[in-house]
Amino acid sequence: MSLFFEDFDEWYEAYETASPLEQYEIVLGIVSSPIPLDYAVETDFVSILIEVQGLLEGNNLLEHALSFIATLQKQQPALYQQEFYYFDNFPIRYALFSRELSLMDEALARYKQDPVKSIDELLPILDDLRFYDAREQAADVSHAVYQPVATSSKLMGYAEDDFGAVIMADMLEQTYETLRQGNTVDWEAWGKESVSLGFENTTELQQEIVQILTGETTPPSALVTLFQEEPEIALRQLSLRFNVKMAAQNQLSFVCSQAIWSAVIGFLGERQLSKKQLSHPDRFFDFDLKALDRYIGRLMGNLFSFRQSMGFAVIWGLPHVYDVLRAEAVIEEAVYDSVIAITTDFQTQMLENWSDPLWRFSFVHCWGKPNHQTDKDFADEVQRFAGTIDDSEPLSSEPTENLDWDAMLTNMAEDISQKLSQNPEFASPRSSTSNPTEQPPANLKPPRTPKPRKSPLQEAKALEKGKGSKKKKKQGKGFS
């Protein structure tokens, strides 16, 4: 019998010191035959599977990564079904990039079946579905998971908002198509679904939608006045005009263009704005490089960030949004020129410093060429992103360095002790039962960190318990 089954701890020590290439080969050999589910759970073997999958993805070894996942699905079906959300995102993103959308069906079906447990992995996948303009798949997933997520007691309130936004965008596009065909919209049915998603449903809103979707123009001065008086309504109208423009010019679905608009407005609206900045669209839509850098840093600066696609969507979505704002004469030429200059500079700096394969963010070129970019520059950038699909690196055959945990812990303790001696007011009172000379065991070594069993959204929800907080009923909102 394999050492893996006889003495897992001893097997793990050997695995831990092996080279990345050996680790992959060792684990692949084990998962190529069925493993009892109870044993895999008891040993937290899935953490090792995640680690190996990370090695393959990190080195852009696409065929190996996809094959490894296929082996898990075939040989460890029960374990894979239980832990699918740690693995399914990679084949989904590859299918989106290669435009082989049917390859996502099984993976998306698993998310639809268990959206609450997988919420933190599902939300970034929804981002990619929207940004790649996979309208049908994004809408299908959103319809399937909206109610389970909205009614779950395990998640914080409003975790369902992104799914509701997809459904609303798809409803608006259906309305757009109906009106273009000269047919009558069933506003009663439209209103019922809108209200069920927490959105507004008034006669005035319906009239506003028809006016914009049928191409009725509004004088720029009227939009500026509306922005000064009711900025939220002005932004709502501009978002729908953006949908129509992107559909007509770039053949994008409302699901995709609404995601772009929301990403950009998420940045602009996150700033601490004064009344003066809200008093005119030129002031609201103007920003400096520092503000953009700070926002993107928070969004993508964490090595473990799951929303990197959102960061790329903001940076590459800005020119598209501002092209429409300029076309609608909502902003002055000086504001447009400033934003394009800032964004172009930021894109250049980002690409110079980005080390991971860019193909994963090729969705930014599904949106078409922004006005400021030449055909050649756009074509070169498309190739720069897509070409990284072939930039792979073999797994290292050098043994993995075994960290000296004793030294690390000793240095950490000495550092803390030094800081406390310099700032005694921060030291906690010593327990009467503590032994000041007591040392940690000589062989103290932290155990392998188990994978989290609750998502951050679920953890945050747990923190709410016992505080008397209740999920507040949402007020009716616009569709922007």
Protein backbone atom coordinates (compact mmCIF):
# COMPACT_ATOMS: atom_id res chain seq x y z
CA MET A 1 0.00 0.00 0.00
CA SER A 2 1.16 3.52 -0.76
CA LEU A 3 2.73 5.65 1.97
CA PHE A 4 0.00 8.16 1.18
CA PHE A 5 -2.51 5.80 2.83
CA GLU A 6 -0.21 4.24 5.43
CA ASP A 7 1.24 7.41 6.99
CA PHE A 8 -0.05 10.65 5.54
CA ASP A 9 2.14 12.87 7.74
CA GLU A 10 5.30 11.11 6.61
CA TRP A 11 4.09 11.26 3.00
CA TYR A 12 3.44 14.97 3.37
CA GLU A 13 6.93 15.66 4.73
CA ALA A 14 8.39 14.03 1.62
CA TYR A 15 5.96 15.93 -0.62
CA GLU A 16 6.78 19.23 1.07
CA THR A 17 10.50 18.99 0.29
CA ALA A 18 10.05 17.77 -3.29
CA SER A 19 10.51 20.07 -6.28
CA PRO A 20 7.40 21.62 -7.87
CA LEU A 21 7.74 19.20 -10.79
CA GLU A 22 7.97 16.23 -8.43
CA GLN A 23 5.03 17.51 -6.38
CA TYR A 24 2.90 17.65 -9.51
CA GLU A 25 3.95 14.16 -10.61
CA ILE A 26 3.42 12.71 -7.12
CA VAL A 27 -0.07 14.15 -6.74
CA LEU A 28 -1.07 13.32 -10.31
CA GLY A 29 -0.11 9.71 -9.66
CA ILE A 30 -2.26 9.60 -6.54
CA VAL A 31 -5.39 11.22 -8.00
CA SER A 32 -5.24 9.01 -11.09
CA SER A 33 -6.88 6.32 -8.98
CA PRO A 34 -9.95 6.73 -6.75
CA ILE A 35 -9.35 7.98 -3.21
CA PRO A 36 -11.96 7.34 -0.48
CA LEU A 37 -13.79 10.62 0.09
CA ASP A 38 -13.60 10.31 3.88
CA TYR A 39 -9.83 9.95 3.74
CA ALA A 40 -9.44 12.92 1.41
CA VAL A 41 -11.54 15.07 3.75
CA GLU A 42 -9.78 13.81 6.89
CA THR A 43 -6.35 14.72 5.51
CA ASP A 44 -7.54 17.94 3.89
CA PHE A 45 -6.03 16.63 0.67
CA VAL A 46 -7.91 19.23 -1.35
CA SER A 47 -5.49 21.89 -0.02
CA ILE A 48 -2.69 20.05 -1.76
CA LEU A 49 -4.75 19.73 -4.93
CA ILE A 50 -5.34 23.48 -4.89
CA GLU A 51 -1.61 24.05 -4.41
CA VAL A 52 -0.70 21.85 -7.39
CA GLN A 53 -3.36 23.44 -9.57
CA GLY A 54 -1.92 26.81 -8.57
CA LEU A 55 1.54 25.71 -9.70
CA LEU A 56 0.21 24.77 -13.14
CA GLU A 57 -1.86 27.92 -13.57
CA GLY A 58 0.93 30.13 -12.24
CA ASN A 59 3.33 28.76 -14.87
CA ASN A 60 0.64 29.08 -17.56
CA LEU A 61 0.80 25.35 -18.29
CA LEU A 62 -2.68 25.32 -19.78
CA GLU A 63 -2.85 21.77 -21.09
CA HIS A 64 -1.47 20.33 -17.86
CA ALA A 65 -3.87 22.42 -15.76
CA LEU A 66 -6.92 21.44 -17.81
CA SER A 67 -5.84 17.79 -17.87
CA PHE A 68 -5.27 17.79 -14.09
CA ILE A 69 -8.80 19.11 -13.53
CA ALA A 70 -10.23 16.55 -15.96
CA THR A 71 -8.47 13.77 -14.03
CA LEU A 72 -9.95 15.02 -10.75
CA GLN A 73 -13.42 15.12 -12.28
CA LYS A 74 -13.12 11.58 -13.62
CA GLN A 75 -11.29 9.81 -10.79
CA GLN A 76 -12.49 11.82 -7.76
CA PRO A 77 -16.06 12.77 -8.72
CA ALA A 78 -17.43 13.04 -5.17
CA LEU A 79 -14.53 15.16 -3.94
CA TYR A 80 -14.67 17.36 -7.02
CA GLN A 81 -18.40 17.95 -6.66
CA GLN A 82 -17.81 18.94 -3.04
CA GLU A 83 -14.92 21.32 -3.79
CA PHE A 84 -15.62 22.30 -7.43
CA TYR A 85 -15.34 26.05 -6.92
CA TYR A 86 -11.61 25.80 -6.23
CA PHE A 87 -11.02 24.42 -9.73
CA ASP A 88 -13.84 25.31 -12.14
CA ASN A 89 -12.90 28.95 -12.68
CA PHE A 90 -9.81 28.17 -14.74
CA PRO A 91 -11.55 26.08 -17.44
CA ILE A 92 -14.37 28.66 -17.53
CA ARG A 93 -11.93 31.49 -18.19
CA TYR A 94 -10.12 29.46 -20.83
CA ALA A 95 -13.43 28.68 -22.54
CA LEU A 96 -14.32 32.38 -22.53
CA PHE A 97 -10.96 33.33 -24.02
CA SER A 98 -11.15 30.67 -26.73
CA ARG A 99 -14.86 31.45 -27.31
CA GLU A 100 -15.77 27.78 -26.84
CA LEU A 101 -18.67 28.69 -24.57
CA SER A 102 -20.28 25.24 -24.56
CA LEU A 103 -17.26 23.99 -22.59
CA MET A 104 -18.50 25.99 -19.59
CA ASP A 105 -21.88 24.28 -19.30
CA GLU A 106 -20.99 21.63 -16.72
CA ALA A 107 -18.97 24.00 -14.55
CA LEU A 108 -21.68 26.66 -14.57
CA ALA A 109 -24.26 24.00 -13.72
CA ARG A 110 -22.33 23.22 -10.54
CA TYR A 111 -22.35 26.89 -9.55
CA LYS A 112 -26.08 27.12 -10.19
CA GLN A 113 -26.62 24.08 -8.00
CA ASP A 114 -24.72 25.46 -5.00
CA PRO A 115 -24.29 29.25 -5.30
CA VAL A 116 -24.20 30.08 -1.60
CA LYS A 117 -21.20 27.92 -0.74
CA SER A 118 -19.35 29.07 -3.85
CA ILE A 119 -20.33 32.76 -3.73
CA ASP A 120 -16.79 34.18 -3.49
CA GLU A 121 -15.65 32.28 -6.57
CA LEU A 122 -18.94 32.78 -8.41
CA LEU A 123 -18.88 36.58 -8.28
CA PRO A 124 -15.53 36.92 -10.12
CA ILE A 125 -16.75 34.39 -12.69
CA LEU A 126 -19.87 36.51 -13.19
CA ASP A 127 -17.54 39.45 -13.83
CA ASP A 128 -15.80 37.51 -16.58
CA LEU A 129 -19.04 36.28 -18.13
CA ARG A 130 -20.25 39.87 -18.37
CA PHE A 131 -16.97 41.36 -19.58
CA TYR A 132 -16.57 38.68 -22.26
CA ASP A 133 -20.14 39.45 -23.36
CA ALA A 134 -21.40 35.95 -22.61
CA ARG A 135 -24.90 37.40 -22.26
CA GLU A 136 -26.85 34.14 -22.37
CA GLN A 137 -24.68 32.39 -19.79
CA ALA A 138 -24.53 35.39 -17.44
CA ALA A 139 -28.31 35.82 -17.52
CA ASP A 140 -28.93 32.09 -17.09
CA VAL A 141 -26.69 31.87 -14.03
CA SER A 142 -28.17 35.04 -12.54
CA HIS A 143 -31.76 33.85 -12.92
CA ALA A 144 -30.84 30.51 -11.34
CA VAL A 145 -28.98 31.83 -8.30
CA TYR A 146 -30.68 35.14 -7.51
CA GLN A 147 -33.30 33.82 -5.10
CA PRO A 148 -31.09 31.26 -3.30
CA VAL A 149 -28.48 33.96 -2.70
CA ALA A 150 -31.00 36.68 -1.79
CA THR A 151 -32.78 34.48 0.77
CA SER A 152 -29.73 32.77 2.29
CA SER A 153 -29.15 33.37 5.98
CA LYS A 154 -25.47 32.47 5.49
CA LEU A 155 -24.62 35.56 3.44
CA MET A 156 -24.63 39.27 4.09
CA GLY A 157 -27.49 41.30 2.69
CA TYR A 158 -27.29 42.40 -0.92
CA ALA A 159 -24.94 39.61 -2.02
CA GLU A 160 -27.50 39.11 -4.79
CA ASP A 161 -27.13 42.62 -6.25
CA ASP A 162 -24.72 41.70 -9.05
CA PHE A 163 -27.05 38.95 -10.24
CA GLY A 164 -30.00 41.32 -10.12
CA ALA A 165 -28.04 43.85 -12.19
CA VAL A 166 -27.46 41.21 -14.89
CA ILE A 167 -31.13 40.28 -15.00
CA MET A 168 -32.16 43.93 -15.22
CA ALA A 169 -29.66 44.66 -18.01
CA ASP A 170 -30.97 41.68 -19.95
CA MET A 171 -34.56 42.87 -19.43
CA LEU A 172 -33.65 46.30 -20.75
CA GLU A 173 -32.06 44.78 -23.84
CA GLN A 174 -35.15 42.65 -24.45
CA THR A 175 -37.18 45.87 -24.18
CA TYR A 176 -34.81 47.55 -26.63
CA GLU A 177 -35.22 44.70 -29.12
CA THR A 178 -39.01 44.74 -28.71
CA LEU A 179 -39.23 48.47 -29.37
CA ARG A 180 -36.91 48.26 -32.39
CA GLN A 181 -39.20 45.64 -33.90
CA GLY A 182 -42.18 47.96 -33.43
CA ASN A 183 -43.85 45.72 -30.86
CA THR A 184 -45.54 46.64 -27.58
CA VAL A 185 -43.76 46.12 -24.27
CA ASP A 186 -45.66 44.23 -21.56
CA TRP A 187 -44.98 46.78 -18.86
CA GLU A 188 -47.07 44.95 -16.26
CA ALA A 189 -44.91 41.83 -16.47
CA TRP A 190 -41.79 44.00 -16.77
CA GLY A 191 -42.74 45.89 -13.62
CA LYS A 192 -43.40 42.77 -11.56
CA GLU A 193 -39.98 41.34 -12.32
CA SER A 194 -38.30 44.69 -11.79
CA VAL A 195 -39.87 45.08 -8.35
CA SER A 196 -38.95 41.50 -7.41
CA LEU A 197 -35.32 42.46 -8.04
CA GLY A 198 -35.57 45.56 -5.84
CA PHE A 199 -35.68 48.07 -8.70
CA GLU A 200 -38.06 50.93 -9.29
CA ASN A 201 -41.20 50.60 -11.40
CA THR A 202 -42.94 53.87 -12.08
CA THR A 203 -44.71 55.30 -15.10
CA GLU A 204 -42.08 58.04 -15.27
CA LEU A 205 -39.28 55.46 -15.34
CA GLN A 206 -40.98 53.49 -18.09
CA GLN A 207 -41.37 56.66 -20.17
CA GLU A 208 -37.72 57.49 -19.57
CA ILE A 209 -36.68 54.03 -20.78
CA VAL A 210 -38.78 54.26 -23.94
CA GLN A 211 -37.42 57.72 -24.79
CA ILE A 212 -33.81 56.61 -24.52
CA LEU A 213 -34.22 53.20 -26.17
CA THR A 214 -36.03 54.68 -29.14
CA GLY A 215 -33.25 57.21 -29.71
CA GLU A 216 -35.03 60.34 -28.55
CA THR A 217 -32.36 62.94 -28.00
CA THR A 218 -32.01 65.18 -24.97
CA PRO A 219 -30.28 68.57 -25.17
CA PRO A 220 -26.92 68.48 -23.37
CA SER A 221 -28.00 71.45 -21.29
CA ALA A 222 -30.96 69.44 -20.00
CA LEU A 223 -28.66 66.59 -18.91
CA VAL A 224 -26.35 69.02 -17.17
CA THR A 225 -29.27 70.62 -15.35
CA LEU A 226 -30.61 67.19 -14.38
CA PHE A 227 -27.15 66.23 -13.08
CA GLN A 228 -27.09 69.34 -10.90
CA GLU A 229 -30.56 68.67 -9.49
CA GLU A 230 -30.73 64.86 -9.36
CA PRO A 231 -27.34 63.28 -10.16
CA GLU A 232 -28.53 59.72 -9.55
CA ILE A 233 -31.25 60.04 -12.21
CA ALA A 234 -28.80 61.70 -14.59
CA LEU A 235 -26.33 58.83 -14.15
CA ARG A 236 -29.12 56.33 -14.68
CA GLN A 237 -30.06 57.95 -17.97
CA LEU A 238 -26.43 58.16 -19.07
CA SER A 239 -25.92 54.47 -18.29
CA LEU A 240 -28.80 53.50 -20.57
CA ARG A 241 -27.52 55.80 -23.31
CA PHE A 242 -24.15 54.08 -22.94
CA ASN A 243 -25.88 50.69 -23.39
CA VAL A 244 -27.57 51.86 -26.59
CA LYS A 245 -24.38 53.39 -28.02
CA MET A 246 -22.27 50.31 -27.32
CA ALA A 247 -24.94 48.05 -28.82
CA ALA A 248 -25.18 50.14 -31.98
CA GLN A 249 -21.49 50.86 -32.47
CA ASN A 250 -19.72 47.81 -31.02
CA GLN A 251 -22.50 45.19 -31.03
CA LEU A 252 -22.19 44.64 -27.29
CA SER A 253 -25.04 43.31 -25.20
CA PHE A 254 -26.49 45.47 -22.45
CA VAL A 255 -25.23 42.86 -19.97
CA CYS A 256 -21.65 43.58 -21.06
CA SER A 257 -21.89 47.35 -21.46
CA GLN A 258 -23.68 47.71 -18.13
CA ALA A 259 -20.83 45.84 -16.46
CA ILE A 260 -18.32 48.24 -18.04
CA TRP A 261 -20.35 51.28 -16.97
CA SER A 262 -20.77 49.95 -13.42
CA ALA A 263 -17.04 49.23 -13.11
CA VAL A 264 -16.15 52.79 -14.10
CA ILE A 265 -18.88 54.46 -12.03
CA GLY A 266 -17.82 52.27 -9.11
CA PHE A 267 -14.46 54.03 -9.24
CA LEU A 268 -15.86 57.54 -9.74
CA GLY A 269 -18.54 57.15 -7.07
CA GLU A 270 -16.15 55.68 -4.52
CA ARG A 271 -14.31 58.98 -4.15
CA GLN A 272 -15.14 61.34 -1.32
CA LEU A 273 -16.99 63.97 -3.33
CA SER A 274 -17.89 67.46 -2.24
CA LYS A 275 -21.13 69.21 -3.13
CA LYS A 276 -19.14 71.23 -5.64
CA GLN A 277 -17.99 68.05 -7.41
CA LEU A 278 -21.58 66.88 -7.60
CA SER A 279 -22.79 70.21 -8.93
CA HIS A 280 -21.61 69.70 -12.51
CA PRO A 281 -20.72 66.64 -14.62
CA ASP A 282 -17.34 68.14 -15.57
CA ARG A 283 -16.36 68.14 -11.91
CA PHE A 284 -17.79 64.69 -11.20
CA PHE A 285 -16.17 63.01 -14.20
CA ASP A 286 -12.80 64.69 -13.79
CA PHE A 287 -10.14 62.90 -11.74
CA ASP A 288 -6.38 62.71 -11.32
CA LEU A 289 -3.87 59.88 -11.62
CA LYS A 290 -3.51 59.60 -7.86
CA ALA A 291 -7.20 58.81 -7.38
CA LEU A 292 -7.13 56.12 -10.05
CA ASP A 293 -3.92 54.60 -8.73
CA ARG A 294 -5.28 54.49 -5.19
CA TYR A 295 -8.52 52.81 -6.26
CA ILE A 296 -6.87 50.20 -8.50
CA GLY A 297 -4.32 49.52 -5.80
CA ARG A 298 -7.04 48.65 -3.33
CA LEU A 299 -8.89 46.60 -5.91
CA MET A 300 -5.95 44.61 -7.26
CA GLY A 301 -3.02 45.18 -4.92
CA ASN A 302 -3.74 42.09 -2.83
CA LEU A 303 -1.93 39.03 -4.17
CA PHE A 304 -5.03 37.02 -3.39
CA SER A 305 -7.45 39.42 -5.03
CA PHE A 306 -10.34 37.71 -6.78
CA ARG A 307 -11.43 40.86 -8.62
CA GLN A 308 -8.49 41.47 -10.92
CA SER A 309 -10.82 41.39 -13.92
CA MET A 310 -12.72 44.29 -12.38
CA GLY A 311 -9.50 46.30 -12.19
CA PHE A 312 -8.76 45.77 -15.89
CA ALA A 313 -12.38 46.61 -16.70
CA VAL A 314 -12.06 49.97 -14.94
CA ILE A 315 -8.79 50.92 -16.64
CA TRP A 316 -9.77 49.79 -20.15
CA GLY A 317 -13.43 50.73 -19.74
CA LEU A 318 -12.75 54.40 -18.97
CA PRO A 319 -12.04 55.42 -22.60
CA HIS A 320 -15.27 53.77 -23.81
CA VAL A 321 -17.37 55.51 -21.17
CA TYR A 322 -15.75 58.88 -21.84
CA ASP A 323 -16.19 58.47 -25.61
CA VAL A 324 -19.94 58.34 -24.99
CA LEU A 325 -19.88 61.16 -22.45
CA ARG A 326 -18.12 63.37 -25.00
CA ALA A 327 -20.52 62.30 -27.76
CA GLU A 328 -23.44 63.27 -25.51
CA ALA A 329 -21.72 66.62 -24.85
CA VAL A 330 -21.96 66.02 -21.11
CA ILE A 331 -18.29 66.81 -20.47
CA GLU A 332 -15.96 69.43 -21.88
CA GLU A 333 -13.19 68.49 -24.30
CA ALA A 334 -10.57 69.37 -21.68
CA VAL A 335 -11.97 66.80 -19.25
CA TYR A 336 -12.04 64.14 -21.96
CA ASP A 337 -8.45 64.86 -23.02
CA SER A 338 -7.24 64.79 -19.41
CA VAL A 339 -8.89 61.45 -18.64
CA ILE A 340 -7.63 59.83 -21.84
CA ALA A 341 -4.08 61.01 -21.06
CA ILE A 342 -4.26 59.72 -17.49
CA THR A 343 -5.76 56.39 -18.53
CA THR A 344 -3.29 55.83 -21.37
CA ASP A 345 -0.38 56.55 -19.05
CA PHE A 346 -1.79 54.22 -16.41
CA GLN A 347 -2.29 51.43 -18.95
CA THR A 348 1.31 51.79 -20.14
CA GLN A 349 2.70 51.64 -16.61
CA MET A 350 0.51 48.71 -15.71
CA LEU A 351 1.51 46.64 -18.72
CA GLU A 352 5.18 47.33 -18.08
CA ASN A 353 4.88 45.99 -14.54
CA TRP A 354 2.35 43.19 -15.00
CA SER A 355 4.08 39.81 -14.83
CA ASP A 356 1.15 37.40 -15.12
CA PRO A 357 -0.27 36.23 -18.48
CA LEU A 358 -2.48 38.94 -19.96
CA TRP A 359 -4.66 36.56 -21.99
CA ARG A 360 -6.95 36.19 -18.97
CA PHE A 361 -8.02 39.81 -19.47
CA SER A 362 -8.45 39.75 -23.24
CA PHE A 363 -12.12 40.62 -22.74
CA VAL A 364 -11.13 44.29 -22.91
CA HIS A 365 -10.68 43.85 -26.67
CA CYS A 366 -14.13 42.31 -27.13
CA TRP A 367 -15.45 45.84 -26.57
CA GLY A 368 -13.98 47.29 -29.74
CA LYS A 369 -11.47 50.07 -30.30
CA PRO A 370 -11.87 53.28 -28.29
CA ASN A 371 -11.77 56.48 -30.30
CA HIS A 372 -8.36 57.71 -29.14
CA GLN A 373 -6.51 54.57 -30.23
CA THR A 374 -5.21 53.96 -33.75
CA ASP A 375 -6.07 50.75 -35.59
CA LYS A 376 -2.44 49.64 -35.43
CA ASP A 377 -2.07 50.34 -31.71
CA PHE A 378 -5.28 48.45 -31.01
CA ALA A 379 -4.18 45.46 -33.12
CA ASP A 380 -0.78 45.42 -31.41
CA GLU A 381 -2.41 45.50 -27.99
CA VAL A 382 -4.78 42.67 -28.90
CA GLN A 383 -1.79 40.54 -29.90
CA ARG A 384 0.14 41.54 -26.78
CA PHE A 385 -2.65 40.20 -24.57
CA ALA A 386 -3.64 37.14 -26.58
CA GLY A 387 -0.04 36.15 -27.34
CA THR A 388 0.67 35.42 -23.68
CA ILE A 389 -1.43 32.27 -24.00
CA ASP A 390 1.80 30.60 -25.18
CA ASP A 391 4.05 32.08 -22.50
CA SER A 392 4.49 29.03 -20.30
CA GLU A 393 7.31 28.05 -17.97
CA PRO A 394 8.19 24.46 -17.00
CA LEU A 395 7.83 23.51 -13.37
CA SER A 396 11.09 23.75 -11.49
CA SER A 397 12.98 20.53 -10.76
CA GLU A 398 14.80 22.19 -7.86
CA PRO A 399 13.74 20.98 -4.40
CA THR A 400 11.40 23.26 -2.50
CA GLU A 401 13.15 25.16 0.25
CA ASN A 402 12.10 23.93 3.67
CA LEU A 403 11.36 27.01 5.76
CA ASP A 404 12.98 27.25 9.19
CA TRP A 405 9.86 27.81 11.24
CA ASP A 406 11.79 27.81 14.55
CA ALA A 407 13.99 30.70 13.39
CA MET A 408 11.02 32.56 11.93
CA LEU A 409 9.03 32.27 15.15
CA THR A 410 12.03 33.23 17.27
CA ASN A 411 12.71 36.31 15.17
CA MET A 412 9.03 37.24 15.29
CA ALA A 413 8.95 36.89 19.08
CA GLU A 414 12.11 38.97 19.47
CA ASP A 415 10.71 41.67 17.18
CA ILE A 416 7.44 41.83 19.14
CA SER A 417 9.33 41.87 22.44
CA GLN A 418 11.51 44.74 21.26
CA LYS A 419 8.52 46.78 20.11
CA LEU A 420 6.72 46.18 23.41
CA SER A 421 9.78 47.23 25.40
CA GLN A 422 9.92 50.44 23.40
CA ASN A 423 6.18 50.99 23.88
CA PRO A 424 5.32 49.45 27.26
CA GLU A 425 1.87 51.03 27.26
CA PHE A 426 0.87 48.55 24.54
CA ALA A 427 1.90 45.50 26.56
CA SER A 428 -0.91 43.46 28.04
CA PRO A 429 -0.91 42.74 31.79
CA ARG A 430 0.83 39.46 32.46
CA SER A 431 -1.34 36.62 33.69
CA SER A 432 -0.68 35.55 37.27
CA THR A 433 -0.23 32.01 36.05
CA SER A 434 2.21 32.81 33.24
CA ASN A 435 5.83 31.73 33.33
CA PRO A 436 8.14 34.45 31.97
CA THR A 437 10.91 31.96 31.28
CA GLU A 438 8.70 29.49 29.47
CA GLN A 439 9.85 28.86 25.90
CA PRO A 440 7.90 27.38 23.03
CA PRO A 441 8.58 23.70 22.28
CA ALA A 442 11.81 23.23 20.36
CA ASN A 443 10.10 21.55 17.43
CA LEU A 444 7.15 23.89 17.20
CA LYS A 445 5.95 24.04 13.61
CA PRO A 446 2.67 25.47 12.43
CA PRO A 447 0.39 22.84 10.94
CA ARG A 448 -0.62 23.07 7.29
CA THR A 449 -3.10 25.90 6.95
CA PRO A 450 -6.48 24.34 6.15
CA LYS A 451 -8.51 25.90 3.38
CA PRO A 452 -11.27 28.20 4.63
CA ARG A 453 -14.58 26.44 5.07
CA LYS A 454 -16.53 29.68 5.04
CA SER A 455 -16.27 32.37 2.43
CA PRO A 456 -15.49 35.97 3.48
CA LEU A 457 -19.12 36.87 2.82
CA GLN A 458 -20.23 34.03 5.08
CA GLU A 459 -17.70 35.04 7.74
CA ALA A 460 -18.94 38.61 7.62
CA LYS A 461 -22.47 37.36 7.98
CA ALA A 462 -21.48 35.36 11.04
CA LEU A 463 -20.07 38.52 12.64
CA GLU A 464 -23.50 40.13 12.40
CA LYS A 465 -25.12 37.49 14.58
CA GLY A 466 -25.82 38.58 18.12
CA LYS A 467 -25.60 42.26 17.27
CA GLY A 468 -29.29 42.73 16.69
CA SER A 469 -28.71 43.63 13.05
CA LYS A 470 -31.32 42.63 10.56
CA LYS A 471 -31.33 42.61 6.82
CA LYS A 472 -32.96 45.82 5.75
CA LYS A 473 -35.47 45.88 2.98
CA LYS A 474 -34.02 47.53 -0.11
CA GLN A 475 -35.57 50.69 -1.39
CA GLY A 476 -36.53 50.77 -5.04
CA LYS A 477 -33.48 51.68 -7.09
CA GLY A 478 -32.64 52.65 -10.62
CA PHE A 479 -31.02 50.26 -13.04
CA SER A 480 -27.61 51.95 -13.21
